[in-house]
Protein backbone atom coordinates (compact mmCIF):
# COMPACT_ATOMS: atom_id res chain seq x y z
CA MET A 1 36.15 -10.28 21.15
CA LYS A 2 38.25 -7.37 19.94
CA PHE A 3 37.13 -3.80 19.43
CA LYS A 4 38.61 -1.22 17.09
CA THR A 5 37.75 2.11 15.56
CA ILE A 6 38.31 2.53 11.85
CA SER A 7 38.18 5.91 10.12
CA ILE A 8 36.20 6.42 6.92
CA ASN A 9 38.47 7.79 4.18
CA LYS A 10 36.86 10.43 1.97
CA PRO A 11 37.32 14.02 0.78
CA ALA A 12 35.84 16.58 3.19
CA GLU A 13 33.16 17.76 0.73
CA VAL A 14 31.83 14.26 -0.01
CA ASN A 15 28.75 13.06 1.87
CA PHE A 16 28.18 9.45 2.73
CA ILE A 17 25.69 7.14 4.34
CA LEU A 18 26.65 4.08 6.34
CA ALA A 19 23.83 1.58 6.68
CA GLN A 20 23.12 -2.10 7.17
CA GLY A 21 21.30 -4.16 4.58
CA HIS A 22 20.30 -7.80 4.60
CA PHE A 23 20.19 -9.29 1.11
CA ILE A 24 22.18 -9.36 -2.15
CA LYS A 25 19.26 -7.50 -3.80
CA THR A 26 20.23 -4.44 -1.72
CA VAL A 27 22.68 -3.21 -4.38
CA GLU A 28 20.14 -3.09 -7.21
CA ASP A 29 17.30 -1.70 -5.10
CA VAL A 30 19.45 1.07 -3.57
CA TYR A 31 20.81 1.96 -7.02
CA GLU A 32 17.29 2.27 -8.44
CA THR A 33 16.13 4.31 -5.43
CA LEU A 34 18.98 6.80 -5.76
CA VAL A 35 18.67 7.41 -9.50
CA GLU A 36 14.89 7.82 -9.15
CA ALA A 37 15.23 10.19 -6.17
CA VAL A 38 17.71 12.63 -7.72
CA PRO A 39 18.17 12.67 -11.50
CA GLY A 40 21.86 12.99 -12.35
CA ILE A 41 23.05 11.97 -8.87
CA LYS A 42 26.76 11.13 -8.70
CA PHE A 43 27.24 8.21 -6.31
CA GLY A 44 28.90 4.92 -5.60
CA LEU A 45 27.76 2.16 -3.30
CA ALA A 46 29.31 -1.00 -1.93
CA PHE A 47 27.61 -3.79 0.03
CA CYS A 48 29.48 -6.40 2.07
CA GLU A 49 27.75 -9.71 1.46
CA SER A 50 27.87 -11.80 4.65
CA SER A 51 27.10 -15.31 3.40
CA GLY A 52 27.74 -17.45 0.34
CA PRO A 53 30.69 -16.09 -1.65
CA ARG A 54 30.90 -13.02 0.68
CA LYS A 55 31.81 -10.56 -2.05
CA ILE A 56 31.78 -6.79 -1.93
CA ARG A 57 28.97 -6.00 -4.34
CA TYR A 58 28.99 -2.52 -5.89
CA GLN A 59 27.28 -0.13 -8.28
CA GLY A 60 27.07 3.57 -9.02
CA THR A 61 27.16 6.43 -11.49
CA ASP A 62 30.54 7.96 -10.61
CA GLU A 63 33.88 6.10 -10.67
CA GLU A 64 35.43 8.20 -7.88
CA MET A 65 32.44 7.54 -5.58
CA ILE A 66 32.43 3.82 -6.46
CA LYS A 67 36.12 3.55 -5.55
CA LEU A 68 35.51 5.32 -2.22
CA ALA A 69 32.67 2.92 -1.43
CA ILE A 70 34.66 -0.20 -2.30
CA ASN A 71 37.83 0.92 -0.49
CA ASN A 72 35.94 1.78 2.70
CA ALA A 73 33.93 -1.45 2.52
CA LYS A 74 37.20 -3.42 2.32
CA LYS A 75 38.65 -1.48 5.25
CA ILE A 76 35.62 -1.88 7.54
CA GLY A 77 34.83 -5.43 6.39
CA CYS A 78 31.60 -5.98 8.33
CA GLY A 79 28.93 -8.31 6.99
CA HIS A 80 25.84 -6.65 5.53
CA SER A 81 27.37 -3.17 5.78
CA LEU A 82 26.38 -0.71 3.06
CA PHE A 83 28.49 2.29 2.03
CA ILE A 84 27.03 5.05 -0.16
CA PHE A 85 29.24 8.00 -1.19
CA PHE A 86 27.76 10.87 -3.18
CA LYS A 87 28.27 14.38 -4.44
CA ASN A 88 25.94 17.05 -5.84
CA VAL A 89 23.23 16.22 -3.26
CA PHE A 90 22.83 16.23 0.52
CA PRO A 91 21.75 13.23 2.64
CA ILE A 92 18.42 14.98 3.31
CA ASN A 93 17.63 14.59 -0.42
CA ILE A 94 17.77 10.78 -0.31
CA LEU A 95 17.63 9.56 3.28
CA ASN A 96 13.88 8.98 3.61
CA ARG A 97 13.79 7.19 0.25
CA LEU A 98 16.59 4.90 1.44
CA LYS A 99 14.81 4.17 4.74
CA ASN A 100 11.90 2.81 2.67
CA VAL A 101 14.07 0.30 0.78
CA SER A 102 13.01 -3.14 2.03
CA GLU A 103 16.59 -4.35 2.46
CA ILE A 104 17.76 -1.43 4.64
CA VAL A 105 17.84 -2.60 8.26
CA ASN A 106 19.61 0.30 9.96
CA VAL A 107 21.18 3.66 9.12
CA TYR A 108 24.25 4.46 11.23
CA CYS A 109 25.00 7.92 9.84
CA ALA A 110 24.45 10.30 6.94
CA THR A 111 27.11 13.00 6.95
CA ALA A 112 30.03 14.83 5.40
CA ASN A 113 31.80 14.90 8.79
CA PRO A 114 34.85 12.81 9.62
CA VAL A 115 33.57 9.43 10.86
CA GLU A 116 35.03 6.62 12.91
CA VAL A 117 33.28 3.26 12.82
CA ILE A 118 33.35 1.20 16.02
CA VAL A 119 33.82 -2.42 15.01
CA ALA A 120 33.73 -5.64 17.04
CA GLN A 121 35.58 -8.70 15.76
CA THR A 122 34.88 -12.28 16.81
CA LYS A 123 35.89 -15.65 15.38
CA GLN A 124 32.84 -15.49 13.09
CA GLY A 125 33.52 -12.05 11.63
CA ARG A 126 33.03 -8.33 12.17
CA GLY A 127 30.07 -6.18 13.12
CA ILE A 128 29.42 -2.45 13.43
CA LEU A 129 28.60 -1.34 16.95
CA GLY A 130 28.17 2.34 16.12
CA VAL A 131 29.84 5.44 14.74
CA ILE A 132 31.52 8.59 15.93
CA ASP A 133 30.13 11.29 13.60
CA GLY A 134 32.14 14.51 13.76
CA GLY A 135 33.12 16.10 17.07
CA SER A 136 31.49 16.86 20.41
CA PRO A 137 29.65 20.18 20.92
CA LYS A 138 31.74 23.14 22.08
CA ALA A 139 28.95 25.54 23.13
CA VAL A 140 25.23 26.30 22.97
CA GLU A 141 24.15 28.57 20.13
CA ASP A 142 23.26 32.16 20.94
CA GLU A 143 20.86 34.48 19.09
CA LYS A 144 23.53 35.44 16.53
CA ASP A 145 24.20 31.74 15.84
CA LYS A 146 20.46 31.08 15.39
CA LYS A 147 20.24 33.92 12.88
CA GLU A 148 23.24 32.59 10.94
CA ARG A 149 21.78 29.03 10.93
CA LYS A 150 18.48 30.27 9.53
CA GLU A 151 20.21 32.43 6.91
CA PHE A 152 22.36 29.51 5.81
CA LEU A 153 19.33 27.25 5.32
CA ARG A 154 17.69 29.89 3.15
CA LYS A 155 20.91 30.49 1.22
CA ILE A 156 21.15 26.83 0.21
CA GLY A 157 17.44 26.63 -0.62
CA TYR A 158 16.08 24.54 2.25
CA LYS A 159 13.84 27.25 3.68
CA LEU A 160 11.95 30.15 2.10
């Protein structure tokens, strides 16, 4: 068995979700879930089929996001992996809806941070072991930091 880390390629402002699905129907069900959850959402998704023709299945509403999803799916190349790239929303807007999609088995991350995917490769294929999402903490927040965090959440409309 070989291990490697593979970086996700995306612009800094783009959010993405890395998940694991289990069936070809994942693409259509995730598409429907996203367009129902956030009208006008700009996204692209790619799903690595792990049996049969083993194609990268894809869908979306934004060509740039679709290309990001397909290119990262090719690069990672793990069976049943699901890549969703999106703009004009945050993961918090769609994550719980996605967790309720019958085909979603696992969510590895939902972030705009730089991400490295830890992949194992065997004779059979590749699998995702986990992710490195952003960097390690540098300090514990103080009272000023708490105040800034709370102000930021109100500024972007997530708290009153």
